[in-house]
Amino acid sequence: MNSQSNDLGLIQVFTGDGKGKTTAALGEALRACGHGFKVLVVQFMKGDIRYGEFNIAPKLPNFELRQFGLPTFVKRGEPSAEDLRLAREGFEFAKSAIQSKAYDMVILDELNVAIDYGLIKLEDVLAFLKDRPEGVEIIITGRNAPKQIIEIADLVSKIEEIKHPYQKGILGRKGVEW
């Protein structure tokens, strides 16, 4: 096996209850862009344009970010019709982008949470992942990754929370958490 292989097409998963899943995926995106790869980030359940990655996206070559969510939190067990519509629209957009092979890497940010909250059906995601085209690296983020996604993934990292500033009353900080 060539240790310098550029064969893309694996599935990576960043999950767990700790901070840094999206951050890790964005680090992968930055690295890929640095090698001239074209990267798409599809954010589920996120619709707030104050995220730093949303602001920098237009300035990075070969990097595109699309949000499919409202700027408010989704109520677990009671998603709004708009939450459901946006999640499904995001999933259809992501599937089309991956099928087109126009991108070398596609990050499905918070897809695990969208599944966990019932916005997207696990069966639909699994069916798509099993029949995906070759050559597109897929990164899935979000806590509570379903065991079936973990099983088909090639790389799974679990980010565990040991300590968090929120425990001291420090809220999310600009440029760090968002």
C-alpha atoms as a PDB file:
ATOM      1  CA  MET A   1       0.000   0.000   0.000  1.00  0.00           C
ATOM      2  CA  ASN A   2       1.329   3.404  -0.968  1.00  0.00           C
ATOM      3  CA  SER A   3       1.656   5.640   2.102  1.00  0.00           C
ATOM      4  CA  GLN A   4       1.479   8.688  -0.173  1.00  0.00           C
ATOM      5  CA  SER A   5      -1.788   7.614  -1.808  1.00  0.00           C
ATOM      6  CA  ASN A   6      -4.174  10.327  -2.948  1.00  0.00           C
ATOM      7  CA  ASP A   7      -7.087   7.938  -3.361  1.00  0.00           C
ATOM      8  CA  LEU A   8     -10.096   9.709  -1.934  1.00  0.00           C
ATOM      9  CA  GLY A   9     -13.388   8.071  -1.225  1.00  0.00           C
ATOM     10  CA  LEU A  10     -13.377   7.028   2.416  1.00  0.00           C
ATOM     11  CA  ILE A  11     -15.990   7.832   5.023  1.00  0.00           C
ATOM     12  CA  GLN A  12     -14.797   9.621   8.145  1.00  0.00           C
ATOM     13  CA  VAL A  13     -16.930  10.238  11.237  1.00  0.00           C
ATOM     14  CA  PHE A  14     -16.277  12.710  14.047  1.00  0.00           C
ATOM     15  CA  THR A  15     -18.661  12.066  16.928  1.00  0.00           C
ATOM     16  CA  GLY A  16     -18.844  12.206  20.724  1.00  0.00           C
ATOM     17  CA  ASP A  17     -19.999  14.691  23.345  1.00  0.00           C
ATOM     18  CA  GLY A  18     -16.893  16.874  23.279  1.00  0.00           C
ATOM     19  CA  LYS A  19     -16.259  20.136  21.460  1.00  0.00           C
ATOM     20  CA  GLY A  20     -14.365  19.953  18.211  1.00  0.00           C
ATOM     21  CA  LYS A  21     -16.195  17.717  15.746  1.00  0.00           C
ATOM     22  CA  THR A  22     -16.966  20.458  13.248  1.00  0.00           C
ATOM     23  CA  THR A  23     -13.588  22.015  13.986  1.00  0.00           C
ATOM     24  CA  ALA A  24     -11.830  18.751  13.106  1.00  0.00           C
ATOM     25  CA  ALA A  25     -13.793  18.460   9.866  1.00  0.00           C
ATOM     26  CA  LEU A  26     -12.973  22.063   8.945  1.00  0.00           C
ATOM     27  CA  GLY A  27      -9.319  21.295   9.613  1.00  0.00           C
ATOM     28  CA  GLU A  28      -9.574  18.446   7.104  1.00  0.00           C
ATOM     29  CA  ALA A  29     -11.204  20.876   4.657  1.00  0.00           C
ATOM     30  CA  LEU A  30      -8.430  23.426   5.088  1.00  0.00           C
ATOM     31  CA  ARG A  31      -5.807  20.756   4.513  1.00  0.00           C
ATOM     32  CA  ALA A  32      -7.609  19.470   1.401  1.00  0.00           C
ATOM     33  CA  CYS A  33      -7.974  22.990  -0.022  1.00  0.00           C
ATOM     34  CA  GLY A  34      -4.256  23.480   0.545  1.00  0.00           C
ATOM     35  CA  HIS A  35      -3.666  20.629  -1.896  1.00  0.00           C
ATOM     36  CA  GLY A  36      -6.040  22.071  -4.478  1.00  0.00           C
ATOM     37  CA  PHE A  37      -8.935  19.757  -3.672  1.00  0.00           C
ATOM     38  CA  LYS A  38     -12.449  21.124  -4.026  1.00  0.00           C
ATOM     39  CA  VAL A  39     -14.409  20.958  -0.758  1.00  0.00           C
ATOM     40  CA  LEU A  40     -18.102  21.368   0.027  1.00  0.00           C
ATOM     41  CA  VAL A  41     -19.433  21.736   3.555  1.00  0.00           C
ATOM     42  CA  VAL A  42     -23.151  21.098   4.015  1.00  0.00           C
ATOM     43  CA  GLN A  43     -24.280  22.223   7.459  1.00  0.00           C
ATOM     44  CA  PHE A  44     -27.465  20.690   8.817  1.00  0.00           C
ATOM     45  CA  MET A  45     -29.425  22.421  11.581  1.00  0.00           C
ATOM     46  CA  LYS A  46     -27.246  25.520  11.261  1.00  0.00           C
ATOM     47  CA  GLY A  47     -28.534  28.731   9.727  1.00  0.00           C
ATOM     48  CA  ASP A  48     -26.622  31.392  11.576  1.00  0.00           C
ATOM     49  CA  ILE A  49     -24.338  33.452   9.364  1.00  0.00           C
ATOM     50  CA  ARG A  50     -22.257  34.539  12.364  1.00  0.00           C
ATOM     51  CA  TYR A  51     -20.273  31.276  12.262  1.00  0.00           C
ATOM     52  CA  GLY A  52     -16.661  32.069  11.414  1.00  0.00           C
ATOM     53  CA  GLU A  53     -16.508  29.402   8.731  1.00  0.00           C
ATOM     54  CA  PHE A  54     -19.504  30.978   6.980  1.00  0.00           C
ATOM     55  CA  ASN A  55     -17.748  34.347   6.924  1.00  0.00           C
ATOM     56  CA  ILE A  56     -14.430  33.046   5.568  1.00  0.00           C
ATOM     57  CA  ALA A  57     -15.868  30.600   3.007  1.00  0.00           C
ATOM     58  CA  PRO A  58     -16.134  33.081   0.095  1.00  0.00           C
ATOM     59  CA  LYS A  59     -12.476  34.026   0.549  1.00  0.00           C
ATOM     60  CA  LEU A  60     -11.075  30.484   0.394  1.00  0.00           C
ATOM     61  CA  PRO A  61     -10.355  28.996  -3.019  1.00  0.00           C
ATOM     62  CA  ASN A  62     -11.981  25.614  -3.705  1.00  0.00           C
ATOM     63  CA  PHE A  63     -14.159  25.888  -0.586  1.00  0.00           C
ATOM     64  CA  GLU A  64     -17.935  26.163  -0.516  1.00  0.00           C
ATOM     65  CA  LEU A  65     -20.250  26.167   2.488  1.00  0.00           C
ATOM     66  CA  ARG A  66     -24.027  25.825   2.438  1.00  0.00           C
ATOM     67  CA  GLN A  67     -26.281  26.002   5.492  1.00  0.00           C
ATOM     68  CA  PHE A  68     -29.586  24.166   5.740  1.00  0.00           C
ATOM     69  CA  GLY A  69     -31.134  25.197   9.006  1.00  0.00           C
ATOM     70  CA  LEU A  70     -32.742  27.991  10.929  1.00  0.00           C
ATOM     71  CA  PRO A  71     -30.730  30.347  13.155  1.00  0.00           C
ATOM     72  CA  THR A  72     -32.566  28.825  16.138  1.00  0.00           C
ATOM     73  CA  PHE A  73     -32.255  25.482  17.898  1.00  0.00           C
ATOM     74  CA  VAL A  74     -34.355  22.557  16.744  1.00  0.00           C
ATOM     75  CA  LYS A  75     -36.675  21.282  19.446  1.00  0.00           C
ATOM     76  CA  ARG A  76     -35.876  17.614  19.975  1.00  0.00           C
ATOM     77  CA  GLY A  77     -38.916  15.476  19.299  1.00  0.00           C
ATOM     78  CA  GLU A  78     -40.853  18.428  17.910  1.00  0.00           C
ATOM     79  CA  PRO A  79     -39.058  19.781  14.853  1.00  0.00           C
ATOM     80  CA  SER A  80     -40.925  22.427  12.927  1.00  0.00           C
ATOM     81  CA  ALA A  81     -42.080  21.836   9.370  1.00  0.00           C
ATOM     82  CA  GLU A  82     -39.365  24.277   8.274  1.00  0.00           C
ATOM     83  CA  ASP A  83     -36.681  22.330  10.200  1.00  0.00           C
ATOM     84  CA  LEU A  84     -37.774  19.157   8.394  1.00  0.00           C
ATOM     85  CA  ARG A  85     -37.925  20.854   5.003  1.00  0.00           C
ATOM     86  CA  LEU A  86     -34.466  22.416   5.339  1.00  0.00           C
ATOM     87  CA  ALA A  87     -32.869  19.162   6.503  1.00  0.00           C
ATOM     88  CA  ARG A  88     -34.364  17.228   3.604  1.00  0.00           C
ATOM     89  CA  GLU A  89     -33.363  19.969   1.161  1.00  0.00           C
ATOM     90  CA  GLY A  90     -29.819  19.850   2.556  1.00  0.00           C
ATOM     91  CA  PHE A  91     -29.643  16.076   2.231  1.00  0.00           C
ATOM     92  CA  GLU A  92     -30.884  16.178  -1.372  1.00  0.00           C
ATOM     93  CA  PHE A  93     -28.362  18.946  -2.146  1.00  0.00           C
ATOM     94  CA  ALA A  94     -25.535  16.930  -0.563  1.00  0.00           C
ATOM     95  CA  LYS A  95     -26.491  13.770  -2.450  1.00  0.00           C
ATOM     96  CA  SER A  96     -26.559  15.650  -5.763  1.00  0.00           C
ATOM     97  CA  ALA A  97     -23.203  17.275  -5.041  1.00  0.00           C
ATOM     98  CA  ILE A  98     -21.598  13.943  -4.176  1.00  0.00           C
ATOM     99  CA  GLN A  99     -23.147  12.209  -7.192  1.00  0.00           C
ATOM    100  CA  SER A 100     -21.859  14.984  -9.472  1.00  0.00           C
ATOM    101  CA  LYS A 101     -18.279  14.271  -8.365  1.00  0.00           C
ATOM    102  CA  ALA A 102     -17.673  18.034  -8.652  1.00  0.00           C
ATOM    103  CA  TYR A 103     -16.110  17.950  -5.164  1.00  0.00           C
ATOM    104  CA  ASP A 104     -13.214  15.924  -3.816  1.00  0.00           C
ATOM    105  CA  MET A 105     -14.450  16.152  -0.231  1.00  0.00           C
ATOM    106  CA  VAL A 106     -17.938  16.696   1.140  1.00  0.00           C
ATOM    107  CA  ILE A 107     -18.476  17.394   4.821  1.00  0.00           C
ATOM    108  CA  LEU A 108     -21.927  16.596   6.175  1.00  0.00           C
ATOM    109  CA  ASP A 109     -21.776  18.726   9.295  1.00  0.00           C
ATOM    110  CA  GLU A 110     -24.203  17.732  12.073  1.00  0.00           C
ATOM    111  CA  LEU A 111     -25.731  14.977   9.941  1.00  0.00           C
ATOM    112  CA  ASN A 112     -25.609  12.622  12.923  1.00  0.00           C
ATOM    113  CA  VAL A 113     -27.673  15.082  14.962  1.00  0.00           C
ATOM    114  CA  ALA A 114     -30.146  15.581  12.112  1.00  0.00           C
ATOM    115  CA  ILE A 115     -30.648  11.808  12.078  1.00  0.00           C
ATOM    116  CA  ASP A 116     -30.881  11.641  15.875  1.00  0.00           C
ATOM    117  CA  TYR A 117     -33.522  14.393  15.904  1.00  0.00           C
ATOM    118  CA  GLY A 118     -35.571  12.639  13.218  1.00  0.00           C
ATOM    119  CA  LEU A 119     -35.010  15.259  10.528  1.00  0.00           C
ATOM    120  CA  ILE A 120     -33.434  12.766   8.126  1.00  0.00           C
ATOM    121  CA  LYS A 121     -34.053   9.010   8.012  1.00  0.00           C
ATOM    122  CA  LEU A 122     -31.076   6.824   8.860  1.00  0.00           C
ATOM    123  CA  GLU A 123     -32.153   4.300   6.211  1.00  0.00           C
ATOM    124  CA  ASP A 124     -31.946   6.993   3.515  1.00  0.00           C
ATOM    125  CA  VAL A 125     -28.447   7.998   4.589  1.00  0.00           C
ATOM    126  CA  LEU A 126     -27.223   4.397   4.751  1.00  0.00           C
ATOM    127  CA  ALA A 127     -28.664   3.574   1.325  1.00  0.00           C
ATOM    128  CA  PHE A 128     -26.952   6.595  -0.182  1.00  0.00           C
ATOM    129  CA  LEU A 129     -23.605   5.947   1.501  1.00  0.00           C
ATOM    130  CA  LYS A 130     -23.582   2.324   0.339  1.00  0.00           C
ATOM    131  CA  ASP A 131     -24.210   3.345  -3.277  1.00  0.00           C
ATOM    132  CA  ARG A 132     -22.107   6.531  -3.341  1.00  0.00           C
ATOM    133  CA  PRO A 133     -19.704   7.159  -6.210  1.00  0.00           C
ATOM    134  CA  GLU A 134     -16.037   6.390  -5.726  1.00  0.00           C
ATOM    135  CA  GLY A 135     -13.454   9.108  -5.262  1.00  0.00           C
ATOM    136  CA  VAL A 136     -15.329  11.533  -3.003  1.00  0.00           C
ATOM    137  CA  GLU A 137     -14.161  11.733   0.610  1.00  0.00           C
ATOM    138  CA  ILE A 138     -17.146  12.065   2.947  1.00  0.00           C
ATOM    139  CA  ILE A 139     -16.875  13.414   6.481  1.00  0.00           C
ATOM    140  CA  ILE A 140     -19.855  13.158   8.819  1.00  0.00           C
ATOM    141  CA  THR A 141     -19.962  15.089  12.077  1.00  0.00           C
ATOM    142  CA  GLY A 142     -22.222  15.304  15.088  1.00  0.00           C
ATOM    143  CA  ARG A 143     -22.790  13.600  18.392  1.00  0.00           C
ATOM    144  CA  ASN A 144     -24.716  10.339  18.680  1.00  0.00           C
ATOM    145  CA  ALA A 145     -23.459   8.773  15.465  1.00  0.00           C
ATOM    146  CA  PRO A 146     -25.683   5.777  14.733  1.00  0.00           C
ATOM    147  CA  LYS A 147     -23.900   2.440  15.091  1.00  0.00           C
ATOM    148  CA  GLN A 148     -24.729   1.608  11.476  1.00  0.00           C
ATOM    149  CA  ILE A 149     -22.825   4.680  10.260  1.00  0.00           C
ATOM    150  CA  ILE A 150     -19.925   3.833  12.559  1.00  0.00           C
ATOM    151  CA  GLU A 151     -19.865   0.319  11.099  1.00  0.00           C
ATOM    152  CA  ILE A 152     -19.584   1.456   7.459  1.00  0.00           C
ATOM    153  CA  ALA A 153     -17.134   4.290   8.173  1.00  0.00           C
ATOM    154  CA  ASP A 154     -13.442   3.881   7.458  1.00  0.00           C
ATOM    155  CA  LEU A 155     -12.351   6.259  10.230  1.00  0.00           C
ATOM    156  CA  VAL A 156     -14.236   7.116  13.403  1.00  0.00           C
ATOM    157  CA  SER A 157     -12.980   9.542  16.030  1.00  0.00           C
ATOM    158  CA  LYS A 158     -14.896  10.012  19.248  1.00  0.00           C
ATOM    159  CA  ILE A 159     -14.315  13.377  20.842  1.00  0.00           C
ATOM    160  CA  GLU A 160     -14.923  13.100  24.555  1.00  0.00           C
ATOM    161  CA  GLU A 161     -15.660  16.019  26.836  1.00  0.00           C
ATOM    162  CA  ILE A 162     -13.416  16.036  29.873  1.00  0.00           C
ATOM    163  CA  LYS A 163     -13.882  19.673  30.808  1.00  0.00           C
ATOM    164  CA  HIS A 164     -15.616  22.625  29.147  1.00  0.00           C
ATOM    165  CA  PRO A 165     -15.670  26.382  29.933  1.00  0.00           C
ATOM    166  CA  TYR A 166     -19.491  26.214  29.937  1.00  0.00           C
ATOM    167  CA  GLN A 167     -19.188  24.425  33.292  1.00  0.00           C
ATOM    168  CA  LYS A 168     -17.746  27.693  34.654  1.00  0.00           C
ATOM    169  CA  GLY A 169     -20.551  29.730  33.117  1.00  0.00           C
ATOM    170  CA  ILE A 170     -18.510  30.807  30.083  1.00  0.00           C
ATOM    171  CA  LEU A 171     -20.796  30.882  27.069  1.00  0.00           C
ATOM    172  CA  GLY A 172     -19.827  30.215  23.445  1.00  0.00           C
ATOM    173  CA  ARG A 173     -17.095  32.596  22.310  1.00  0.00           C
ATOM    174  CA  LYS A 174     -16.821  34.289  18.922  1.00  0.00           C
ATOM    175  CA  GLY A 175     -14.024  32.792  16.878  1.00  0.00           C
ATOM    176  CA  VAL A 176     -13.719  29.771  19.154  1.00  0.00           C
ATOM    177  CA  GLU A 177     -17.116  28.074  19.419  1.00  0.00           C
ATOM    178  CA  TRP A 178     -18.753  29.858  16.513  1.00  0.00           C
END
